[in-house]
Amino acid sequence: MRILRKALLAPIAFVITLYAFDYLYARIRHAPFANVHIDQYYAVTEKFNMIAYERGTPVNERCVYSLFPHFGSSPCWYLTRHTLRYIKVG
């Protein structure tokens, strides 16, 4: 039972420690933020289950250089891989 408890607590403690060091790195870094260009598309549902895509206005979204989201911003490694955003209408 003791080994099982340690086996469950070790990964949790590792993730908490990693998050804390990532937060400190983002806090101490001189310029931790960047802007990423996001293209938005509206997915409009039409008759007979057809979907029409219309281009929306592009948006610059703020991101933080870290592994986890901090300060209300997504990590830059995630946003640079997801530059298209589809918004469902209707």
PDB file of N, CA and C in Angstrom:
ATOM      1  N   MET A   1       0.830  -1.191   0.000  1.00  0.00           N
ATOM      2  CA  MET A   1       0.000   0.000   0.000  1.00  0.00           C
ATOM      3  C   MET A   1       0.876   1.258   0.000  1.00  0.00           C
ATOM      4  N   ARG A   2       1.992   1.198   0.716  1.00  0.00           N
ATOM      5  CA  ARG A   2       2.895   2.339   0.777  1.00  0.00           C
ATOM      6  C   ARG A   2       3.534   2.633  -0.575  1.00  0.00           C
ATOM      7  N   ILE A   3       3.897   1.586  -1.287  1.00  0.00           N
ATOM      8  CA  ILE A   3       4.522   1.740  -2.597  1.00  0.00           C
ATOM      9  C   ILE A   3       3.531   2.338  -3.590  1.00  0.00           C
ATOM     10  N   LEU A   4       2.288   1.912  -3.520  1.00  0.00           N
ATOM     11  CA  LEU A   4       1.253   2.452  -4.399  1.00  0.00           C
ATOM     12  C   LEU A   4       1.035   3.938  -4.132  1.00  0.00           C
ATOM     13  N   ARG A   5       1.033   4.332  -2.876  1.00  0.00           N
ATOM     14  CA  ARG A   5       0.853   5.740  -2.519  1.00  0.00           C
ATOM     15  C   ARG A   5       2.018   6.586  -3.045  1.00  0.00           C
ATOM     16  N   LYS A   6       3.231   6.071  -2.897  1.00  0.00           N
ATOM     17  CA  LYS A   6       4.400   6.803  -3.404  1.00  0.00           C
ATOM     18  C   LYS A   6       4.391   6.867  -4.929  1.00  0.00           C
ATOM     19  N   ALA A   7       3.944   5.793  -5.554  1.00  0.00           N
ATOM     20  CA  ALA A   7       3.879   5.766  -7.016  1.00  0.00           C
ATOM     21  C   ALA A   7       2.854   6.763  -7.547  1.00  0.00           C
ATOM     22  N   LEU A   8       1.810   7.040  -6.788  1.00  0.00           N
ATOM     23  CA  LEU A   8       0.810   8.013  -7.208  1.00  0.00           C
ATOM     24  C   LEU A   8       1.229   9.443  -6.873  1.00  0.00           C
ATOM     25  N   LEU A   9       1.903   9.635  -5.765  1.00  0.00           N
ATOM     26  CA  LEU A   9       2.280  10.981  -5.350  1.00  0.00           C
ATOM     27  C   LEU A   9       3.506  11.523  -6.087  1.00  0.00           C
ATOM     28  N   ALA A  10       4.390  10.660  -6.555  1.00  0.00           N
ATOM     29  CA  ALA A  10       5.610  11.109  -7.229  1.00  0.00           C
ATOM     30  C   ALA A  10       5.314  11.877  -8.524  1.00  0.00           C
ATOM     31  N   PRO A  11       4.454  11.389  -9.431  1.00  0.00           N
ATOM     32  CA  PRO A  11       4.165  12.182 -10.639  1.00  0.00           C
ATOM     33  C   PRO A  11       3.445  13.494 -10.338  1.00  0.00           C
ATOM     34  N   ILE A  12       2.587  13.481  -9.331  1.00  0.00           N
ATOM     35  CA  ILE A  12       1.874  14.711  -8.960  1.00  0.00           C
ATOM     36  C   ILE A  12       2.860  15.737  -8.422  1.00  0.00           C
ATOM     37  N   ALA A  13       3.776  15.312  -7.583  1.00  0.00           N
ATOM     38  CA  ALA A  13       4.789  16.231  -7.047  1.00  0.00           C
ATOM     39  C   ALA A  13       5.704  16.741  -8.156  1.00  0.00           C
ATOM     40  N   PHE A  14       6.019  15.891  -9.133  1.00  0.00           N
ATOM     41  CA  PHE A  14       6.858  16.305 -10.253  1.00  0.00           C
ATOM     42  C   PHE A  14       6.174  17.387 -11.083  1.00  0.00           C
ATOM     43  N   VAL A  15       4.896  17.218 -11.387  1.00  0.00           N
ATOM     44  CA  VAL A  15       4.160  18.204 -12.187  1.00  0.00           C
ATOM     45  C   VAL A  15       4.020  19.521 -11.429  1.00  0.00           C
ATOM     46  N   ILE A  16       3.770  19.473 -10.143  1.00  0.00           N
ATOM     47  CA  ILE A  16       3.664  20.697  -9.340  1.00  0.00           C
ATOM     48  C   ILE A  16       4.999  21.432  -9.308  1.00  0.00           C
ATOM     49  N   THR A  17       6.086  20.703  -9.144  1.00  0.00           N
ATOM     50  CA  THR A  17       7.418  21.314  -9.146  1.00  0.00           C
ATOM     51  C   THR A  17       7.747  21.909 -10.510  1.00  0.00           C
ATOM     52  N   LEU A  18       7.427  21.195 -11.575  1.00  0.00           N
ATOM     53  CA  LEU A  18       7.671  21.689 -12.931  1.00  0.00           C
ATOM     54  C   LEU A  18       6.874  22.961 -13.195  1.00  0.00           C
ATOM     55  N   TYR A  19       5.610  22.995 -12.767  1.00  0.00           N
ATOM     56  CA  TYR A  19       4.773  24.182 -12.944  1.00  0.00           C
ATOM     57  C   TYR A  19       5.349  25.367 -12.166  1.00  0.00           C
ATOM     58  N   ALA A  20       5.818  25.126 -10.949  1.00  0.00           N
ATOM     59  CA  ALA A  20       6.377  26.215 -10.134  1.00  0.00           C
ATOM     60  C   ALA A  20       7.643  26.795 -10.760  1.00  0.00           C
ATOM     61  N   PHE A  21       8.541  25.926 -11.235  1.00  0.00           N
ATOM     62  CA  PHE A  21       9.751  26.429 -11.881  1.00  0.00           C
ATOM     63  C   PHE A  21       9.435  27.128 -13.201  1.00  0.00           C
ATOM     64  N   ASP A  22       8.440  26.648 -13.923  1.00  0.00           N
ATOM     65  CA  ASP A  22       8.031  27.297 -15.165  1.00  0.00           C
ATOM     66  C   ASP A  22       7.460  28.684 -14.883  1.00  0.00           C
ATOM     67  N   TYR A  23       6.683  28.806 -13.823  1.00  0.00           N
ATOM     68  CA  TYR A  23       6.137  30.106 -13.431  1.00  0.00           C
ATOM     69  C   TYR A  23       7.254  31.078 -13.038  1.00  0.00           C
ATOM     70  N   LEU A  24       8.207  30.601 -12.261  1.00  0.00           N
ATOM     71  CA  LEU A  24       9.322  31.459 -11.859  1.00  0.00           C
ATOM     72  C   LEU A  24      10.152  31.890 -13.064  1.00  0.00           C
ATOM     73  N   TYR A  25      10.362  30.989 -14.010  1.00  0.00           N
ATOM     74  CA  TYR A  25      11.111  31.332 -15.213  1.00  0.00           C
ATOM     75  C   TYR A  25      10.370  32.397 -16.030  1.00  0.00           C
ATOM     76  N   ALA A  26       9.048  32.255 -16.150  1.00  0.00           N
ATOM     77  CA  ALA A  26       8.260  33.243 -16.893  1.00  0.00           C
ATOM     78  C   ALA A  26       8.228  34.580 -16.154  1.00  0.00           C
ATOM     79  N   ARG A  27       8.239  34.549 -14.842  1.00  0.00           N
ATOM     80  CA  ARG A  27       8.192  35.780 -14.048  1.00  0.00           C
ATOM     81  C   ARG A  27       9.526  36.524 -14.101  1.00  0.00           C
ATOM     82  N   ILE A  28      10.635  35.799 -14.059  1.00  0.00           N
ATOM     83  CA  ILE A  28      11.959  36.415 -14.031  1.00  0.00           C
ATOM     84  C   ILE A  28      12.413  36.853 -15.421  1.00  0.00           C
ATOM     85  N   ARG A  29      11.958  36.175 -16.460  1.00  0.00           N
ATOM     86  CA  ARG A  29      12.392  36.473 -17.830  1.00  0.00           C
ATOM     87  C   ARG A  29      12.117  37.932 -18.174  1.00  0.00           C
ATOM     88  N   HIS A  30      13.026  38.541 -18.931  1.00  0.00           N
ATOM     89  CA  HIS A  30      12.928  39.967 -19.258  1.00  0.00           C
ATOM     90  C   HIS A  30      11.714  40.269 -20.142  1.00  0.00           C
ATOM     91  N   ALA A  31      11.514  39.514 -21.209  1.00  0.00           N
ATOM     92  CA  ALA A  31      10.379  39.725 -22.109  1.00  0.00           C
ATOM     93  C   ALA A  31       9.673  38.386 -22.329  1.00  0.00           C
ATOM     94  N   PRO A  32       8.763  38.007 -21.429  1.00  0.00           N
ATOM     95  CA  PRO A  32       8.165  36.677 -21.539  1.00  0.00           C
ATOM     96  C   PRO A  32       7.006  36.590 -22.534  1.00  0.00           C
ATOM     97  N   PHE A  33       6.557  37.722 -23.094  1.00  0.00           N
ATOM     98  CA  PHE A  33       5.371  37.714 -23.941  1.00  0.00           C
ATOM     99  C   PHE A  33       5.716  37.940 -25.403  1.00  0.00           C
ATOM    100  N   ALA A  34       4.848  37.442 -26.282  1.00  0.00           N
ATOM    101  CA  ALA A  34       4.955  37.656 -27.723  1.00  0.00           C
ATOM    102  C   ALA A  34       3.542  37.746 -28.286  1.00  0.00           C
ATOM    103  N   ASN A  35       3.429  38.188 -29.517  1.00  0.00           N
ATOM    104  CA  ASN A  35       2.142  38.248 -30.210  1.00  0.00           C
ATOM    105  C   ASN A  35       2.153  37.274 -31.370  1.00  0.00           C
ATOM    106  N   VAL A  36       1.045  36.538 -31.528  1.00  0.00           N
ATOM    107  CA  VAL A  36       0.904  35.559 -32.602  1.00  0.00           C
ATOM    108  C   VAL A  36      -0.311  35.953 -33.433  1.00  0.00           C
ATOM    109  N   HIS A  37      -0.160  35.921 -34.759  1.00  0.00           N
ATOM    110  CA  HIS A  37      -1.224  36.269 -35.695  1.00  0.00           C
ATOM    111  C   HIS A  37      -2.166  35.078 -35.851  1.00  0.00           C
ATOM    112  N   ILE A  38      -3.456  35.259 -35.509  1.00  0.00           N
ATOM    113  CA  ILE A  38      -4.460  34.201 -35.582  1.00  0.00           C
ATOM    114  C   ILE A  38      -5.474  34.576 -36.659  1.00  0.00           C
ATOM    115  N   ASP A  39      -5.680  33.678 -37.640  1.00  0.00           N
ATOM    116  CA  ASP A  39      -6.696  33.874 -38.672  1.00  0.00           C
ATOM    117  C   ASP A  39      -8.004  33.257 -38.196  1.00  0.00           C
ATOM    118  N   GLN A  40      -9.088  34.046 -38.285  1.00  0.00           N
ATOM    119  CA  GLN A  40     -10.392  33.560 -37.846  1.00  0.00           C
ATOM    120  C   GLN A  40     -11.269  33.278 -39.053  1.00  0.00           C
ATOM    121  N   TYR A  41     -12.013  32.177 -38.971  1.00  0.00           N
ATOM    122  CA  TYR A  41     -12.972  31.810 -40.002  1.00  0.00           C
ATOM    123  C   TYR A  41     -14.304  31.519 -39.321  1.00  0.00           C
ATOM    124  N   TYR A  42     -15.392  31.984 -39.952  1.00  0.00           N
ATOM    125  CA  TYR A  42     -16.730  31.713 -39.454  1.00  0.00           C
ATOM    126  C   TYR A  42     -17.294  30.510 -40.195  1.00  0.00           C
ATOM    127  N   ALA A  43     -17.729  29.504 -39.464  1.00  0.00           N
ATOM    128  CA  ALA A  43     -18.356  28.315 -40.040  1.00  0.00           C
ATOM    129  C   ALA A  43     -19.866  28.496 -39.915  1.00  0.00           C
ATOM    130  N   VAL A  44     -20.501  28.861 -41.048  1.00  0.00           N
ATOM    131  CA  VAL A  44     -21.935  29.155 -41.069  1.00  0.00           C
ATOM    132  C   VAL A  44     -22.674  27.928 -41.565  1.00  0.00           C
ATOM    133  N   THR A  45     -23.611  27.435 -40.750  1.00  0.00           N
ATOM    134  CA  THR A  45     -24.402  26.279 -41.164  1.00  0.00           C
ATOM    135  C   THR A  45     -25.522  26.752 -42.077  1.00  0.00           C
ATOM    136  N   GLU A  46     -25.695  26.017 -43.180  1.00  0.00           N
ATOM    137  CA  GLU A  46     -26.725  26.334 -44.165  1.00  0.00           C
ATOM    138  C   GLU A  46     -27.699  25.166 -44.275  1.00  0.00           C
ATOM    139  N   LYS A  47     -28.558  25.204 -45.279  1.00  0.00           N
ATOM    140  CA  LYS A  47     -29.522  24.127 -45.476  1.00  0.00           C
ATOM    141  C   LYS A  47     -28.819  22.824 -45.824  1.00  0.00           C
ATOM    142  N   PHE A  48     -29.456  21.731 -45.513  1.00  0.00           N
ATOM    143  CA  PHE A  48     -28.997  20.381 -45.829  1.00  0.00           C
ATOM    144  C   PHE A  48     -27.627  20.070 -45.227  1.00  0.00           C
ATOM    145  N   ASN A  49     -27.381  20.574 -44.035  1.00  0.00           N
ATOM    146  CA  ASN A  49     -26.148  20.328 -43.285  1.00  0.00           C
ATOM    147  C   ASN A  49     -24.884  20.757 -44.031  1.00  0.00           C
ATOM    148  N   MET A  50     -24.998  21.754 -44.855  1.00  0.00           N
ATOM    149  CA  MET A  50     -23.831  22.309 -45.549  1.00  0.00           C
ATOM    150  C   MET A  50     -23.206  23.383 -44.666  1.00  0.00           C
ATOM    151  N   ILE A  51     -21.905  23.522 -44.744  1.00  0.00           N
ATOM    152  CA  ILE A  51     -21.185  24.522 -43.960  1.00  0.00           C
ATOM    153  C   ILE A  51     -20.417  25.424 -44.906  1.00  0.00           C
ATOM    154  N   ALA A  52     -20.635  26.728 -44.777  1.00  0.00           N
ATOM    155  CA  ALA A  52     -19.907  27.720 -45.571  1.00  0.00           C
ATOM    156  C   ALA A  52     -18.903  28.404 -44.651  1.00  0.00           C
ATOM    157  N   TYR A  53     -17.692  28.555 -45.142  1.00  0.00           N
ATOM    158  CA  TYR A  53     -16.639  29.191 -44.357  1.00  0.00           C
ATOM    159  C   TYR A  53     -16.403  30.598 -44.881  1.00  0.00           C
ATOM    160  N   GLU A  54     -16.434  31.573 -43.978  1.00  0.00           N
ATOM    161  CA  GLU A  54     -16.183  32.963 -44.337  1.00  0.00           C
ATOM    162  C   GLU A  54     -15.028  33.479 -43.493  1.00  0.00           C
ATOM    163  N   ARG A  55     -14.161  34.203 -44.152  1.00  0.00           N
ATOM    164  CA  ARG A  55     -12.983  34.724 -43.470  1.00  0.00           C
ATOM    165  C   ARG A  55     -13.379  35.892 -42.571  1.00  0.00           C
ATOM    166  N   GLY A  56     -12.897  35.866 -41.351  1.00  0.00           N
ATOM    167  CA  GLY A  56     -13.140  36.945 -40.403  1.00  0.00           C
ATOM    168  C   GLY A  56     -11.926  37.851 -40.299  1.00  0.00           C
ATOM    169  N   THR A  57     -11.965  38.741 -39.356  1.00  0.00           N
ATOM    170  CA  THR A  57     -10.829  39.636 -39.172  1.00  0.00           C
ATOM    171  C   THR A  57      -9.720  38.917 -38.404  1.00  0.00           C
ATOM    172  N   PRO A  58      -8.481  39.034 -38.869  1.00  0.00           N
ATOM    173  CA  PRO A  58      -7.372  38.403 -38.144  1.00  0.00           C
ATOM    174  C   PRO A  58      -7.135  39.101 -36.802  1.00  0.00           C
ATOM    175  N   VAL A  59      -6.625  38.334 -35.861  1.00  0.00           N
ATOM    176  CA  VAL A  59      -6.432  38.822 -34.505  1.00  0.00           C
ATOM    177  C   VAL A  59      -4.995  38.539 -34.085  1.00  0.00           C
ATOM    178  N   ASN A  60      -4.387  39.469 -33.365  1.00  0.00           N
ATOM    179  CA  ASN A  60      -3.094  39.217 -32.728  1.00  0.00           C
ATOM    180  C   ASN A  60      -3.360  38.823 -31.284  1.00  0.00           C
ATOM    181  N   GLU A  61      -2.928  37.640 -30.916  1.00  0.00           N
ATOM    182  CA  GLU A  61      -3.161  37.144 -29.560  1.00  0.00           C
ATOM    183  C   GLU A  61      -1.841  37.074 -28.810  1.00  0.00           C
ATOM    184  N   ARG A  62      -1.885  37.453 -27.556  1.00  0.00           N
ATOM    185  CA  ARG A  62      -0.689  37.475 -26.717  1.00  0.00           C
ATOM    186  C   ARG A  62      -0.407  36.082 -26.163  1.00  0.00           C
ATOM    187  N   CYS A  63       0.858  35.693 -26.184  1.00  0.00           N
ATOM    188  CA  CYS A  63       1.244  34.396 -25.641  1.00  0.00           C
ATOM    189  C   CYS A  63       2.461  34.577 -24.740  1.00  0.00           C
ATOM    190  N   VAL A  64       2.728  33.566 -23.936  1.00  0.00           N
ATOM    191  CA  VAL A  64       3.841  33.604 -22.988  1.00  0.00           C
ATOM    192  C   VAL A  64       4.801  32.460 -23.319  1.00  0.00           C
ATOM    193  N   TYR A  65       6.109  32.747 -23.241  1.00  0.00           N
ATOM    194  CA  TYR A  65       7.130  31.732 -23.489  1.00  0.00           C
ATOM    195  C   TYR A  65       7.270  30.847 -22.252  1.00  0.00           C
ATOM    196  N   SER A  66       6.520  29.755 -22.226  1.00  0.00           N
ATOM    197  CA  SER A  66       6.578  28.816 -21.109  1.00  0.00           C
ATOM    198  C   SER A  66       5.943  27.500 -21.547  1.00  0.00           C
ATOM    199  N   LEU A  67       6.003  26.507 -20.683  1.00  0.00           N
ATOM    200  CA  LEU A  67       5.387  25.219 -20.978  1.00  0.00           C
ATOM    201  C   LEU A  67       3.895  25.218 -20.679  1.00  0.00           C
ATOM    202  N   PHE A  68       3.503  25.931 -19.631  1.00  0.00           N
ATOM    203  CA  PHE A  68       2.124  25.975 -19.179  1.00  0.00           C
ATOM    204  C   PHE A  68       1.565  27.382 -19.370  1.00  0.00           C
ATOM    205  N   PRO A  69       0.234  27.544 -19.427  1.00  0.00           N
ATOM    206  CA  PRO A  69      -0.334  28.888 -19.499  1.00  0.00           C
ATOM    207  C   PRO A  69      -0.142  29.639 -18.184  1.00  0.00           C
ATOM    208  N   HIS A  70       0.306  30.890 -18.294  1.00  0.00           N
ATOM    209  CA  HIS A  70       0.489  31.755 -17.136  1.00  0.00           C
ATOM    210  C   HIS A  70      -0.029  33.146 -17.475  1.00  0.00           C
ATOM    211  N   PHE A  71      -0.403  33.898 -16.454  1.00  0.00           N
ATOM    212  CA  PHE A  71      -0.806  35.299 -16.578  1.00  0.00           C
ATOM    213  C   PHE A  71      -1.999  35.466 -17.522  1.00  0.00           C
ATOM    214  N   GLY A  72      -2.840  34.461 -17.670  1.00  0.00           N
ATOM    215  CA  GLY A  72      -4.006  34.544 -18.538  1.00  0.00           C
ATOM    216  C   GLY A  72      -3.696  34.397 -20.012  1.00  0.00           C
ATOM    217  N   SER A  73      -2.493  33.971 -20.367  1.00  0.00           N
ATOM    218  CA  SER A  73      -2.096  33.804 -21.765  1.00  0.00           C
ATOM    219  C   SER A  73      -1.733  32.352 -22.039  1.00  0.00           C
ATOM    220  N   SER A  74      -1.969  31.939 -23.272  1.00  0.00           N
ATOM    221  CA  SER A  74      -1.599  30.585 -23.689  1.00  0.00           C
ATOM    222  C   SER A  74      -0.103  30.516 -23.957  1.00  0.00           C
ATOM    223  N   PRO A  75       0.483  29.334 -23.893  1.00  0.00           N
ATOM    224  CA  PRO A  75       1.905  29.214 -24.229  1.00  0.00           C
ATOM    225  C   PRO A  75       2.139  29.426 -25.720  1.00  0.00           C
ATOM    226  N   CYS A  76       3.286  30.005 -26.063  1.00  0.00           N
ATOM    227  CA  CYS A  76       3.595  30.303 -27.461  1.00  0.00           C
ATOM    228  C   CYS A  76       3.771  29.041 -28.295  1.00  0.00           C
ATOM    229  N   TRP A  77       4.283  27.966 -27.706  1.00  0.00           N
ATOM    230  CA  TRP A  77       4.471  26.739 -28.478  1.00  0.00           C
ATOM    231  C   TRP A  77       3.129  26.202 -28.951  1.00  0.00           C
ATOM    232  N   TYR A  78       2.053  26.454 -28.201  1.00  0.00           N
ATOM    233  CA  TYR A  78       0.732  25.986 -28.594  1.00  0.00           C
ATOM    234  C   TYR A  78       0.107  26.901 -29.645  1.00  0.00           C
ATOM    235  N   LEU A  79       0.197  28.215 -29.436  1.00  0.00           N
ATOM    236  CA  LEU A  79      -0.442  29.145 -30.359  1.00  0.00           C
ATOM    237  C   LEU A  79       0.218  29.162 -31.730  1.00  0.00           C
ATOM    238  N   THR A  80       1.512  28.980 -31.810  1.00  0.00           N
ATOM    239  CA  THR A  80       2.162  28.978 -33.112  1.00  0.00           C
ATOM    240  C   THR A  80       1.782  27.755 -33.936  1.00  0.00           C
ATOM    241  N   ARG A  81       1.303  26.702 -33.292  1.00  0.00           N
ATOM    242  CA  ARG A  81       0.847  25.518 -34.017  1.00  0.00           C
ATOM    243  C   ARG A  81      -0.646  25.547 -34.318  1.00  0.00           C
ATOM    244  N   HIS A  82      -1.388  26.445 -33.694  1.00  0.00           N
ATOM    245  CA  HIS A  82      -2.836  26.558 -33.891  1.00  0.00           C
ATOM    246  C   HIS A  82      -3.173  27.991 -34.303  1.00  0.00           C
ATOM    247  N   THR A  83      -2.834  28.348 -35.538  1.00  0.00           N
ATOM    248  CA  THR A  83      -3.038  29.728 -35.989  1.00  0.00           C
ATOM    249  C   THR A  83      -4.375  29.930 -36.687  1.00  0.00           C
ATOM    250  N   LEU A  84      -5.170  28.883 -36.854  1.00  0.00           N
ATOM    251  CA  LEU A  84      -6.506  29.007 -37.426  1.00  0.00           C
ATOM    252  C   LEU A  84      -7.548  28.773 -36.340  1.00  0.00           C
ATOM    253  N   ARG A  85      -8.556  29.641 -36.320  1.00  0.00           N
ATOM    254  CA  ARG A  85      -9.624  29.494 -35.335  1.00  0.00           C
ATOM    255  C   ARG A  85     -10.968  29.514 -36.079  1.00  0.00           C
ATOM    256  N   TYR A  86     -11.769  28.483 -35.868  1.00  0.00           N
ATOM    257  CA  TYR A  86     -13.078  28.380 -36.507  1.00  0.00           C
ATOM    258  C   TYR A  86     -14.146  28.709 -35.473  1.00  0.00           C
ATOM    259  N   ILE A  87     -15.036  29.635 -35.832  1.00  0.00           N
ATOM    260  CA  ILE A  87     -16.118  30.050 -34.956  1.00  0.00           C
ATOM    261  C   ILE A  87     -17.425  29.589 -35.572  1.00  0.00           C
ATOM    262  N   LYS A  88     -18.175  28.749 -34.852  1.00  0.00           N
ATOM    263  CA  LYS A  88     -19.436  28.228 -35.369  1.00  0.00           C
ATOM    264  C   LYS A  88     -20.534  29.282 -35.240  1.00  0.00           C
ATOM    265  N   VAL A  89     -21.273  29.473 -36.325  1.00  0.00           N
ATOM    266  CA  VAL A  89     -22.376  30.426 -36.357  1.00  0.00           C
ATOM    267  C   VAL A  89     -23.611  29.670 -36.788  1.00  0.00           C
ATOM    268  N   GLY A  90     -24.665  29.735 -35.976  1.00  0.00           N
ATOM    269  CA  GLY A  90     -25.916  29.113 -36.351  1.00  0.00           C
ATOM    270  C   GLY A  90     -26.093  27.714 -35.943  1.00  0.00           C
TER     271      GLY A  90
END
